[in-house]
Amino acid sequence: MKSLTAHIHSTSARHLLVILGVTGLFLLAPLLAMQFTTQVTWTAFDFAAAAALLIGTGLLFLLALRAFPTRRARIGAGVALACGMLLIWAELAVGIVGA
């Protein structure tokens, strides 16, 4: 039988792989779009910023899952993180704040 710390480490590694995989899938959309249209022009910095934002949000969500004991609090934290991430994404994309 695995020890508790080994179980926690394997679960954390699995969650990290899921976050990285989902981030990679999201970043495939602009990469593929750049192959077919000139309207999507991302630089390496754009991909790095998007990856940092998505991975950071995913890691914060994992922390929220551990910090909040109730399902309602976890959902609230997830919604707040998603709204914050989308606001930052929109600001970086088109500059909606302070226009």
PDB file of N, CA and C in Angstrom:
ATOM      1  N   MET A   1       0.840  -1.170   0.000  1.00  0.00           N
ATOM      2  CA  MET A   1       0.000   0.000   0.000  1.00  0.00           C
ATOM      3  C   MET A   1       0.895   1.247   0.000  1.00  0.00           C
ATOM      4  N   LYS A   2       0.490   2.235  -0.763  1.00  0.00           N
ATOM      5  CA  LYS A   2       1.259   3.479  -0.845  1.00  0.00           C
ATOM      6  C   LYS A   2       1.104   4.279   0.441  1.00  0.00           C
ATOM      7  N   SER A   3       2.139   5.020   0.756  1.00  0.00           N
ATOM      8  CA  SER A   3       2.036   5.917   1.901  1.00  0.00           C
ATOM      9  C   SER A   3       1.223   7.137   1.489  1.00  0.00           C
ATOM     10  N   LEU A   4       0.768   7.873   2.479  1.00  0.00           N
ATOM     11  CA  LEU A   4      -0.051   9.059   2.206  1.00  0.00           C
ATOM     12  C   LEU A   4       0.720  10.096   1.404  1.00  0.00           C
ATOM     13  N   THR A   5       1.991  10.315   1.729  1.00  0.00           N
ATOM     14  CA  THR A   5       2.766  11.314   0.993  1.00  0.00           C
ATOM     15  C   THR A   5       2.994  10.888  -0.451  1.00  0.00           C
ATOM     16  N   ALA A   6       3.180   9.594  -0.684  1.00  0.00           N
ATOM     17  CA  ALA A   6       3.346   9.120  -2.065  1.00  0.00           C
ATOM     18  C   ALA A   6       2.059   9.318  -2.849  1.00  0.00           C
ATOM     19  N   HIS A   7       0.914   9.094  -2.202  1.00  0.00           N
ATOM     20  CA  HIS A   7      -0.372   9.296  -2.865  1.00  0.00           C
ATOM     21  C   HIS A   7      -0.578  10.769  -3.201  1.00  0.00           C
ATOM     22  N   ILE A   8      -0.241  11.652  -2.270  1.00  0.00           N
ATOM     23  CA  ILE A   8      -0.394  13.089  -2.504  1.00  0.00           C
ATOM     24  C   ILE A   8       0.498  13.532  -3.656  1.00  0.00           C
ATOM     25  N   HIS A   9       1.737  13.046  -3.689  1.00  0.00           N
ATOM     26  CA  HIS A   9       2.656  13.434  -4.756  1.00  0.00           C
ATOM     27  C   HIS A   9       2.191  12.910  -6.112  1.00  0.00           C
ATOM     28  N   SER A  10       1.677  11.683  -6.161  1.00  0.00           N
ATOM     29  CA  SER A  10       1.217  11.151  -7.441  1.00  0.00           C
ATOM     30  C   SER A  10      -0.035  11.874  -7.914  1.00  0.00           C
ATOM     31  N   THR A  11      -0.924  12.235  -6.965  1.00  0.00           N
ATOM     32  CA  THR A  11      -2.123  12.984  -7.331  1.00  0.00           C
ATOM     33  C   THR A  11      -1.744  14.377  -7.812  1.00  0.00           C
ATOM     34  N   SER A  12      -0.822  15.032  -7.132  1.00  0.00           N
ATOM     35  CA  SER A  12      -0.385  16.369  -7.542  1.00  0.00           C
ATOM     36  C   SER A  12       0.277  16.332  -8.913  1.00  0.00           C
ATOM     37  N   ALA A  13       1.082  15.307  -9.164  1.00  0.00           N
ATOM     38  CA  ALA A  13       1.726  15.179 -10.472  1.00  0.00           C
ATOM     39  C   ALA A  13       0.683  14.970 -11.561  1.00  0.00           C
ATOM     40  N   ARG A  14      -0.330  14.179 -11.263  1.00  0.00           N
ATOM     41  CA  ARG A  14      -1.400  13.951 -12.236  1.00  0.00           C
ATOM     42  C   ARG A  14      -2.157  15.247 -12.517  1.00  0.00           C
ATOM     43  N   HIS A  15      -2.460  16.013 -11.471  1.00  0.00           N
ATOM     44  CA  HIS A  15      -3.146  17.286 -11.661  1.00  0.00           C
ATOM     45  C   HIS A  15      -2.298  18.255 -12.475  1.00  0.00           C
ATOM     46  N   LEU A  16      -1.006  18.284 -12.208  1.00  0.00           N
ATOM     47  CA  LEU A  16      -0.111  19.153 -12.969  1.00  0.00           C
ATOM     48  C   LEU A  16      -0.081  18.746 -14.439  1.00  0.00           C
ATOM     49  N   LEU A  17      -0.068  17.453 -14.714  1.00  0.00           N
ATOM     50  CA  LEU A  17      -0.097  16.987 -16.105  1.00  0.00           C
ATOM     51  C   LEU A  17      -1.394  17.381 -16.795  1.00  0.00           C
ATOM     52  N   VAL A  18      -2.504  17.338 -16.071  1.00  0.00           N
ATOM     53  CA  VAL A  18      -3.790  17.756 -16.644  1.00  0.00           C
ATOM     54  C   VAL A  18      -3.747  19.247 -16.971  1.00  0.00           C
ATOM     55  N   ILE A  19      -3.228  20.055 -16.052  1.00  0.00           N
ATOM     56  CA  ILE A  19      -3.131  21.499 -16.288  1.00  0.00           C
ATOM     57  C   ILE A  19      -2.265  21.782 -17.506  1.00  0.00           C
ATOM     58  N   LEU A  20      -1.117  21.119 -17.595  1.00  0.00           N
ATOM     59  CA  LEU A  20      -0.235  21.330 -18.740  1.00  0.00           C
ATOM     60  C   LEU A  20      -0.883  20.855 -20.040  1.00  0.00           C
ATOM     61  N   GLY A  21      -1.577  19.739 -19.989  1.00  0.00           N
ATOM     62  CA  GLY A  21      -2.243  19.225 -21.187  1.00  0.00           C
ATOM     63  C   GLY A  21      -3.351  20.140 -21.674  1.00  0.00           C
ATOM     64  N   VAL A  22      -4.175  20.623 -20.752  1.00  0.00           N
ATOM     65  CA  VAL A  22      -5.262  21.532 -21.135  1.00  0.00           C
ATOM     66  C   VAL A  22      -4.682  22.841 -21.674  1.00  0.00           C
ATOM     67  N   THR A  23      -3.625  23.327 -21.049  1.00  0.00           N
ATOM     68  CA  THR A  23      -2.964  24.538 -21.544  1.00  0.00           C
ATOM     69  C   THR A  23      -2.464  24.326 -22.968  1.00  0.00           C
ATOM     70  N   GLY A  24      -1.833  23.195 -23.203  1.00  0.00           N
ATOM     71  CA  GLY A  24      -1.347  22.885 -24.551  1.00  0.00           C
ATOM     72  C   GLY A  24      -2.473  22.832 -25.568  1.00  0.00           C
ATOM     73  N   LEU A  25      -3.604  22.234 -25.177  1.00  0.00           N
ATOM     74  CA  LEU A  25      -4.745  22.170 -26.094  1.00  0.00           C
ATOM     75  C   LEU A  25      -5.289  23.559 -26.404  1.00  0.00           C
ATOM     76  N   PHE A  26      -5.383  24.410 -25.383  1.00  0.00           N
ATOM     77  CA  PHE A  26      -5.865  25.770 -25.625  1.00  0.00           C
ATOM     78  C   PHE A  26      -4.922  26.552 -26.535  1.00  0.00           C
ATOM     79  N   LEU A  27      -3.627  26.322 -26.395  1.00  0.00           N
ATOM     80  CA  LEU A  27      -2.659  27.052 -27.216  1.00  0.00           C
ATOM     81  C   LEU A  27      -2.576  26.511 -28.639  1.00  0.00           C
ATOM     82  N   LEU A  28      -3.126  25.333 -28.861  1.00  0.00           N
ATOM     83  CA  LEU A  28      -3.162  24.802 -30.225  1.00  0.00           C
ATOM     84  C   LEU A  28      -4.110  25.604 -31.124  1.00  0.00           C
ATOM     85  N   ALA A  29      -5.156  26.177 -30.545  1.00  0.00           N
ATOM     86  CA  ALA A  29      -6.135  26.918 -31.350  1.00  0.00           C
ATOM     87  C   ALA A  29      -5.490  28.092 -32.092  1.00  0.00           C
ATOM     88  N   PRO A  30      -4.794  29.003 -31.402  1.00  0.00           N
ATOM     89  CA  PRO A  30      -4.170  30.092 -32.163  1.00  0.00           C
ATOM     90  C   PRO A  30      -3.042  29.601 -33.069  1.00  0.00           C
ATOM     91  N   LEU A  31      -2.336  28.560 -32.647  1.00  0.00           N
ATOM     92  CA  LEU A  31      -1.261  28.028 -33.482  1.00  0.00           C
ATOM     93  C   LEU A  31      -1.819  27.495 -34.802  1.00  0.00           C
ATOM     94  N   LEU A  32      -2.914  26.764 -34.717  1.00  0.00           N
ATOM     95  CA  LEU A  32      -3.547  26.258 -35.939  1.00  0.00           C
ATOM     96  C   LEU A  32      -4.157  27.392 -36.757  1.00  0.00           C
ATOM     97  N   ALA A  33      -4.776  28.360 -36.085  1.00  0.00           N
ATOM     98  CA  ALA A  33      -5.391  29.478 -36.803  1.00  0.00           C
ATOM     99  C   ALA A  33      -4.348  30.269 -37.580  1.00  0.00           C
ATOM    100  N   MET A  34      -3.144  30.385 -37.040  1.00  0.00           N
ATOM    101  CA  MET A  34      -2.080  31.116 -37.731  1.00  0.00           C
ATOM    102  C   MET A  34      -1.677  30.435 -39.032  1.00  0.00           C
ATOM    103  N   GLN A  35      -1.938  29.148 -39.146  1.00  0.00           N
ATOM    104  CA  GLN A  35      -1.586  28.421 -40.358  1.00  0.00           C
ATOM    105  C   GLN A  35      -2.567  28.693 -41.498  1.00  0.00           C
ATOM    106  N   PHE A  36      -3.788  29.134 -41.143  1.00  0.00           N
ATOM    107  CA  PHE A  36      -4.833  29.269 -42.151  1.00  0.00           C
ATOM    108  C   PHE A  36      -5.306  30.699 -42.398  1.00  0.00           C
ATOM    109  N   THR A  37      -4.938  31.632 -41.536  1.00  0.00           N
ATOM    110  CA  THR A  37      -5.384  33.010 -41.719  1.00  0.00           C
ATOM    111  C   THR A  37      -4.288  33.973 -41.269  1.00  0.00           C
ATOM    112  N   THR A  38      -4.328  35.158 -41.827  1.00  0.00           N
ATOM    113  CA  THR A  38      -3.357  36.184 -41.420  1.00  0.00           C
ATOM    114  C   THR A  38      -3.923  37.069 -40.314  1.00  0.00           C
ATOM    115  N   GLN A  39      -5.169  36.828 -39.911  1.00  0.00           N
ATOM    116  CA  GLN A  39      -5.790  37.648 -38.876  1.00  0.00           C
ATOM    117  C   GLN A  39      -5.325  37.264 -37.471  1.00  0.00           C
ATOM    118  N   VAL A  40      -4.755  36.093 -37.324  1.00  0.00           N
ATOM    119  CA  VAL A  40      -4.201  35.669 -36.035  1.00  0.00           C
ATOM    120  C   VAL A  40      -2.686  35.730 -36.167  1.00  0.00           C
ATOM    121  N   THR A  41      -2.075  36.654 -35.434  1.00  0.00           N
ATOM    122  CA  THR A  41      -0.619  36.809 -35.498  1.00  0.00           C
ATOM    123  C   THR A  41      -0.061  36.868 -34.083  1.00  0.00           C
ATOM    124  N   TRP A  42       0.183  35.707 -33.517  1.00  0.00           N
ATOM    125  CA  TRP A  42       0.753  35.628 -32.180  1.00  0.00           C
ATOM    126  C   TRP A  42       2.265  35.520 -32.282  1.00  0.00           C
ATOM    127  N   THR A  43       2.944  36.180 -31.344  1.00  0.00           N
ATOM    128  CA  THR A  43       4.396  36.057 -31.250  1.00  0.00           C
ATOM    129  C   THR A  43       4.725  35.031 -30.157  1.00  0.00           C
ATOM    130  N   ALA A  44       5.986  34.747 -30.003  1.00  0.00           N
ATOM    131  CA  ALA A  44       6.409  33.835 -28.938  1.00  0.00           C
ATOM    132  C   ALA A  44       6.021  34.405 -27.574  1.00  0.00           C
ATOM    133  N   PHE A  45       6.102  35.729 -27.427  1.00  0.00           N
ATOM    134  CA  PHE A  45       5.698  36.352 -26.170  1.00  0.00           C
ATOM    135  C   PHE A  45       4.219  36.123 -25.888  1.00  0.00           C
ATOM    136  N   ASP A  46       3.382  36.197 -26.920  1.00  0.00           N
ATOM    137  CA  ASP A  46       1.941  35.964 -26.748  1.00  0.00           C
ATOM    138  C   ASP A  46       1.677  34.544 -26.245  1.00  0.00           C
ATOM    139  N   PHE A  47       2.365  33.576 -26.846  1.00  0.00           N
ATOM    140  CA  PHE A  47       2.195  32.186 -26.408  1.00  0.00           C
ATOM    141  C   PHE A  47       2.696  32.001 -24.981  1.00  0.00           C
ATOM    142  N   ALA A  48       3.824  32.627 -24.646  1.00  0.00           N
ATOM    143  CA  ALA A  48       4.367  32.503 -23.290  1.00  0.00           C
ATOM    144  C   ALA A  48       3.441  33.150 -22.263  1.00  0.00           C
ATOM    145  N   ALA A  49       2.903  34.320 -22.587  1.00  0.00           N
ATOM    146  CA  ALA A  49       1.992  35.003 -21.670  1.00  0.00           C
ATOM    147  C   ALA A  49       0.716  34.206 -21.474  1.00  0.00           C
ATOM    148  N   ALA A  50       0.168  33.668 -22.555  1.00  0.00           N
ATOM    149  CA  ALA A  50      -1.043  32.858 -22.454  1.00  0.00           C
ATOM    150  C   ALA A  50      -0.787  31.588 -21.643  1.00  0.00           C
ATOM    151  N   ALA A  51       0.350  30.952 -21.876  1.00  0.00           N
ATOM    152  CA  ALA A  51       0.690  29.738 -21.127  1.00  0.00           C
ATOM    153  C   ALA A  51       0.840  30.056 -19.643  1.00  0.00           C
ATOM    154  N   ALA A  52       1.513  31.147 -19.314  1.00  0.00           N
ATOM    155  CA  ALA A  52       1.691  31.530 -17.913  1.00  0.00           C
ATOM    156  C   ALA A  52       0.351  31.830 -17.250  1.00  0.00           C
ATOM    157  N   LEU A  53      -0.519  32.512 -17.969  1.00  0.00           N
ATOM    158  CA  LEU A  53      -1.831  32.845 -17.430  1.00  0.00           C
ATOM    159  C   LEU A  53      -2.659  31.584 -17.196  1.00  0.00           C
ATOM    160  N   LEU A  54      -2.679  30.683 -18.158  1.00  0.00           N
ATOM    161  CA  LEU A  54      -3.470  29.456 -18.022  1.00  0.00           C
ATOM    162  C   LEU A  54      -2.905  28.526 -16.948  1.00  0.00           C
ATOM    163  N   ILE A  55      -1.602  28.349 -16.929  1.00  0.00           N
ATOM    164  CA  ILE A  55      -0.993  27.473 -15.931  1.00  0.00           C
ATOM    165  C   ILE A  55      -1.151  28.081 -14.537  1.00  0.00           C
ATOM    166  N   GLY A  56      -0.938  29.380 -14.419  1.00  0.00           N
ATOM    167  CA  GLY A  56      -1.101  30.048 -13.126  1.00  0.00           C
ATOM    168  C   GLY A  56      -2.520  29.923 -12.593  1.00  0.00           C
ATOM    169  N   THR A  57      -3.497  30.100 -13.464  1.00  0.00           N
ATOM    170  CA  THR A  57      -4.889  29.958 -13.046  1.00  0.00           C
ATOM    171  C   THR A  57      -5.185  28.522 -12.629  1.00  0.00           C
ATOM    172  N   GLY A  58      -4.658  27.570 -13.365  1.00  0.00           N
ATOM    173  CA  GLY A  58      -4.860  26.169 -13.004  1.00  0.00           C
ATOM    174  C   GLY A  58      -4.254  25.833 -11.651  1.00  0.00           C
ATOM    175  N   LEU A  59      -3.064  26.336 -11.390  1.00  0.00           N
ATOM    176  CA  LEU A  59      -2.420  26.086 -10.102  1.00  0.00           C
ATOM    177  C   LEU A  59      -3.171  26.772  -8.956  1.00  0.00           C
ATOM    178  N   LEU A  60      -3.649  27.974  -9.198  1.00  0.00           N
ATOM    179  CA  LEU A  60      -4.450  28.654  -8.182  1.00  0.00           C
ATOM    180  C   LEU A  60      -5.746  27.895  -7.907  1.00  0.00           C
ATOM    181  N   PHE A  61      -6.331  27.306  -8.944  1.00  0.00           N
ATOM    182  CA  PHE A  61      -7.542  26.512  -8.753  1.00  0.00           C
ATOM    183  C   PHE A  61      -7.246  25.276  -7.913  1.00  0.00           C
ATOM    184  N   LEU A  62      -6.094  24.641  -8.133  1.00  0.00           N
ATOM    185  CA  LEU A  62      -5.715  23.501  -7.292  1.00  0.00           C
ATOM    186  C   LEU A  62      -5.564  23.915  -5.836  1.00  0.00           C
ATOM    187  N   LEU A  63      -4.970  25.075  -5.608  1.00  0.00           N
ATOM    188  CA  LEU A  63      -4.858  25.580  -4.242  1.00  0.00           C
ATOM    189  C   LEU A  63      -6.234  25.843  -3.639  1.00  0.00           C
ATOM    190  N   ALA A  64      -7.141  26.382  -4.440  1.00  0.00           N
ATOM    191  CA  ALA A  64      -8.500  26.645  -3.961  1.00  0.00           C
ATOM    192  C   ALA A  64      -9.212  25.340  -3.607  1.00  0.00           C
ATOM    193  N   LEU A  65      -8.992  24.300  -4.391  1.00  0.00           N
ATOM    194  CA  LEU A  65      -9.613  23.015  -4.090  1.00  0.00           C
ATOM    195  C   LEU A  65      -9.163  22.484  -2.736  1.00  0.00           C
ATOM    196  N   ARG A  66      -7.912  22.718  -2.404  1.00  0.00           N
ATOM    197  CA  ARG A  66      -7.384  22.251  -1.122  1.00  0.00           C
ATOM    198  C   ARG A  66      -7.772  23.173   0.027  1.00  0.00           C
ATOM    199  N   ALA A  67      -7.937  24.462  -0.264  1.00  0.00           N
ATOM    200  CA  ALA A  67      -8.183  25.437   0.796  1.00  0.00           C
ATOM    201  C   ALA A  67      -9.641  25.483   1.245  1.00  0.00           C
ATOM    202  N   PHE A  68     -10.565  25.258   0.320  1.00  0.00           N
ATOM    203  CA  PHE A  68     -11.986  25.391   0.645  1.00  0.00           C
ATOM    204  C   PHE A  68     -12.616  24.024   0.839  1.00  0.00           C
ATOM    205  N   PRO A  69     -13.286  23.826   1.979  1.00  0.00           N
ATOM    206  CA  PRO A  69     -13.815  22.499   2.280  1.00  0.00           C
ATOM    207  C   PRO A  69     -15.140  22.167   1.592  1.00  0.00           C
ATOM    208  N   THR A  70     -15.946  23.183   1.269  1.00  0.00           N
ATOM    209  CA  THR A  70     -17.267  22.896   0.715  1.00  0.00           C
ATOM    210  C   THR A  70     -17.275  23.031  -0.804  1.00  0.00           C
ATOM    211  N   ARG A  71     -18.187  22.311  -1.403  1.00  0.00           N
ATOM    212  CA  ARG A  71     -18.315  22.352  -2.863  1.00  0.00           C
ATOM    213  C   ARG A  71     -18.712  23.747  -3.340  1.00  0.00           C
ATOM    214  N   ARG A  72     -19.602  24.386  -2.596  1.00  0.00           N
ATOM    215  CA  ARG A  72     -20.061  25.725  -2.975  1.00  0.00           C
ATOM    216  C   ARG A  72     -18.903  26.727  -2.976  1.00  0.00           C
ATOM    217  N   ALA A  73     -18.034  26.655  -1.982  1.00  0.00           N
ATOM    218  CA  ALA A  73     -16.884  27.555  -1.911  1.00  0.00           C
ATOM    219  C   ALA A  73     -15.906  27.269  -3.050  1.00  0.00           C
ATOM    220  N   ARG A  74     -15.720  26.008  -3.380  1.00  0.00           N
ATOM    221  CA  ARG A  74     -14.823  25.642  -4.478  1.00  0.00           C
ATOM    222  C   ARG A  74     -15.356  26.147  -5.812  1.00  0.00           C
ATOM    223  N   ILE A  75     -16.650  26.018  -6.013  1.00  0.00           N
ATOM    224  CA  ILE A  75     -17.256  26.520  -7.255  1.00  0.00           C
ATOM    225  C   ILE A  75     -17.118  28.037  -7.324  1.00  0.00           C
ATOM    226  N   GLY A  76     -17.371  28.712  -6.209  1.00  0.00           N
ATOM    227  CA  GLY A  76     -17.223  30.176  -6.166  1.00  0.00           C
ATOM    228  C   GLY A  76     -15.801  30.603  -6.476  1.00  0.00           C
ATOM    229  N   ALA A  77     -14.837  29.899  -5.905  1.00  0.00           N
ATOM    230  CA  ALA A  77     -13.431  30.217  -6.177  1.00  0.00           C
ATOM    231  C   ALA A  77     -13.100  29.966  -7.643  1.00  0.00           C
ATOM    232  N   GLY A  78     -13.621  28.878  -8.192  1.00  0.00           N
ATOM    233  CA  GLY A  78     -13.380  28.580  -9.604  1.00  0.00           C
ATOM    234  C   GLY A  78     -13.964  29.632 -10.526  1.00  0.00           C
ATOM    235  N   VAL A  79     -15.174  30.071 -10.209  1.00  0.00           N
ATOM    236  CA  VAL A  79     -15.807  31.115 -11.022  1.00  0.00           C
ATOM    237  C   VAL A  79     -15.022  32.418 -10.907  1.00  0.00           C
ATOM    238  N   ALA A  80     -14.600  32.773  -9.701  1.00  0.00           N
ATOM    239  CA  ALA A  80     -13.822  33.997  -9.512  1.00  0.00           C
ATOM    240  C   ALA A  80     -12.497  33.930 -10.268  1.00  0.00           C
ATOM    241  N   LEU A  81     -11.819  32.785 -10.197  1.00  0.00           N
ATOM    242  CA  LEU A  81     -10.557  32.628 -10.930  1.00  0.00           C
ATOM    243  C   LEU A  81     -10.774  32.700 -12.435  1.00  0.00           C
ATOM    244  N   ALA A  82     -11.840  32.055 -12.919  1.00  0.00           N
ATOM    245  CA  ALA A  82     -12.123  32.081 -14.362  1.00  0.00           C
ATOM    246  C   ALA A  82     -12.432  33.503 -14.826  1.00  0.00           C
ATOM    247  N   CYS A  83     -13.220  34.246 -14.048  1.00  0.00           N
ATOM    248  CA  CYS A  83     -13.540  35.629 -14.416  1.00  0.00           C
ATOM    249  C   CYS A  83     -12.282  36.496 -14.416  1.00  0.00           C
ATOM    250  N   GLY A  84     -11.446  36.315 -13.402  1.00  0.00           N
ATOM    251  CA  GLY A  84     -10.201  37.077 -13.350  1.00  0.00           C
ATOM    252  C   GLY A  84      -9.292  36.761 -14.517  1.00  0.00           C
ATOM    253  N   MET A  85      -9.180  35.472 -14.845  1.00  0.00           N
ATOM    254  CA  MET A  85      -8.336  35.074 -15.972  1.00  0.00           C
ATOM    255  C   MET A  85      -8.874  35.651 -17.287  1.00  0.00           C
ATOM    256  N   LEU A  86     -10.184  35.584 -17.486  1.00  0.00           N
ATOM    257  CA  LEU A  86     -10.767  36.111 -18.727  1.00  0.00           C
ATOM    258  C   LEU A  86     -10.613  37.628 -18.818  1.00  0.00           C
ATOM    259  N   LEU A  87     -10.707  38.321 -17.681  1.00  0.00           N
ATOM    260  CA  LEU A  87     -10.504  39.773 -17.691  1.00  0.00           C
ATOM    261  C   LEU A  87      -9.068  40.112 -18.065  1.00  0.00           C
ATOM    262  N   ILE A  88      -8.108  39.400 -17.500  1.00  0.00           N
ATOM    263  CA  ILE A  88      -6.701  39.636 -17.843  1.00  0.00           C
ATOM    264  C   ILE A  88      -6.454  39.294 -19.308  1.00  0.00           C
ATOM    265  N   TRP A  89      -7.027  38.177 -19.785  1.00  0.00           N
ATOM    266  CA  TRP A  89      -6.872  37.761 -21.180  1.00  0.00           C
ATOM    267  C   TRP A  89      -7.411  38.848 -22.116  1.00  0.00           C
ATOM    268  N   ALA A  90      -8.607  39.354 -21.806  1.00  0.00           N
ATOM    269  CA  ALA A  90      -9.206  40.392 -22.655  1.00  0.00           C
ATOM    270  C   ALA A  90      -8.378  41.670 -22.625  1.00  0.00           C
ATOM    271  N   GLU A  91      -7.853  42.020 -21.465  1.00  0.00           N
ATOM    272  CA  GLU A  91      -7.012  43.218 -21.371  1.00  0.00           C
ATOM    273  C   GLU A  91      -5.765  43.069 -22.202  1.00  0.00           C
ATOM    274  N   LEU A  92      -5.136  41.903 -22.131  1.00  0.00           N
ATOM    275  CA  LEU A  92      -3.932  41.675 -22.935  1.00  0.00           C
ATOM    276  C   LEU A  92      -4.249  41.641 -24.427  1.00  0.00           C
ATOM    277  N   ALA A  93      -5.428  41.146 -24.772  1.00  0.00           N
ATOM    278  CA  ALA A  93      -5.790  41.000 -26.188  1.00  0.00           C
ATOM    279  C   ALA A  93      -6.166  42.336 -26.831  1.00  0.00           C
ATOM    280  N   VAL A  94      -7.050  43.069 -26.164  1.00  0.00           N
ATOM    281  CA  VAL A  94      -7.577  44.282 -26.808  1.00  0.00           C
ATOM    282  C   VAL A  94      -7.532  45.520 -25.928  1.00  0.00           C
ATOM    283  N   GLY A  95      -7.127  45.416 -24.696  1.00  0.00           N
ATOM    284  CA  GLY A  95      -7.023  46.589 -23.833  1.00  0.00           C
ATOM    285  C   GLY A  95      -8.351  47.178 -23.453  1.00  0.00           C
ATOM    286  N   ILE A  96      -9.237  46.402 -22.809  1.00  0.00           N
ATOM    287  CA  ILE A  96     -10.571  46.892 -22.481  1.00  0.00           C
ATOM    288  C   ILE A  96     -10.594  47.791 -21.252  1.00  0.00           C
ATOM    289  N   VAL A  97      -9.604  47.678 -20.380  1.00  0.00           N
ATOM    290  CA  VAL A  97      -9.568  48.492 -19.169  1.00  0.00           C
ATOM    291  C   VAL A  97      -8.719  49.737 -19.440  1.00  0.00           C
ATOM    292  N   GLY A  98      -9.233  50.885 -19.045  1.00  0.00           N
ATOM    293  CA  GLY A  98      -8.487  52.128 -19.212  1.00  0.00           C
ATOM    294  C   GLY A  98      -8.384  52.593 -20.654  1.00  0.00           C
ATOM    295  N   ALA A  99      -9.360  52.219 -21.446  1.00  0.00           N
ATOM    296  CA  ALA A  99      -9.326  52.598 -22.859  1.00  0.00           C
ATOM    297  C   ALA A  99      -9.689  54.034 -23.074  1.00  0.00           C
TER     298      ALA A  99
END
